[in-house]
């Protein structure tokens, strides 16, 4: 039986990478999927391929969030996946780069939760925030990304407590992937003077000796969206090939 049958899932950054993998997995498990992304062409193509709906969304704009969720009667699962990774130390980054990282990776999650809540409170559901290994383990050259994903980690826990205390029946958990081979990795590598060495450094962090696959993260997202995870809230789901040990 499809474990997400009857559920409506809203996936940000859904046009590619982890978002695409999650959207595909949700559709395969019977969910009614809404793919939300700033990439209109990619989002429409994916939606057509998996039988989903597409909505254009800039996660950094409150009015974009309001317009995206307005036509939706009910949201059972919100996946705050949209994000970027900016390479740079505290000395290398500009203030504009740091702010841009926070705008997408932190404020985008905050606004997403606020926008979705009115569509969830009456019946409960699951909010899944994409954090990272970098949300629990620092790197010298990921200052902005570390700050952003650490913020998502603790915001998730705060929301989980609030929803529990209010009796909303909404669970809120974070997923912490290690390095997963998606287009975002290629963008990070493109920022480096020595992409081969940087790629090898990503692999070496993981005791299992490889990068992760998008479908391995999607499998955790399916579990957290399903009723099987009904007792899980405020938790960090680390899927990182042992890198956080």
Foldseek 3Di string as FASTA:
>chain_A
DQQAAPAEEEFEVLLWDLNVLLQQSNLVSHYAYEYEYCPPVSQVVSCVVSVHHYAYADLLDLVRLLVRCVVPQAHAEYELDDAAFDWAAPVGDDPVVLVVRQSRLPSSLVSNCVSRCVRQQVPEHEYEYEAAVLLVDPDRGRVSNSVSSVNVLVVQLVVQVVCVVVVSNYAGEYEHEQAEPIVSLVVNLVVDPDSVVVLCVSQVLAPVRGHHYSNVSSVVVSCRRGCVCSVDHSYYHYHYNPNND
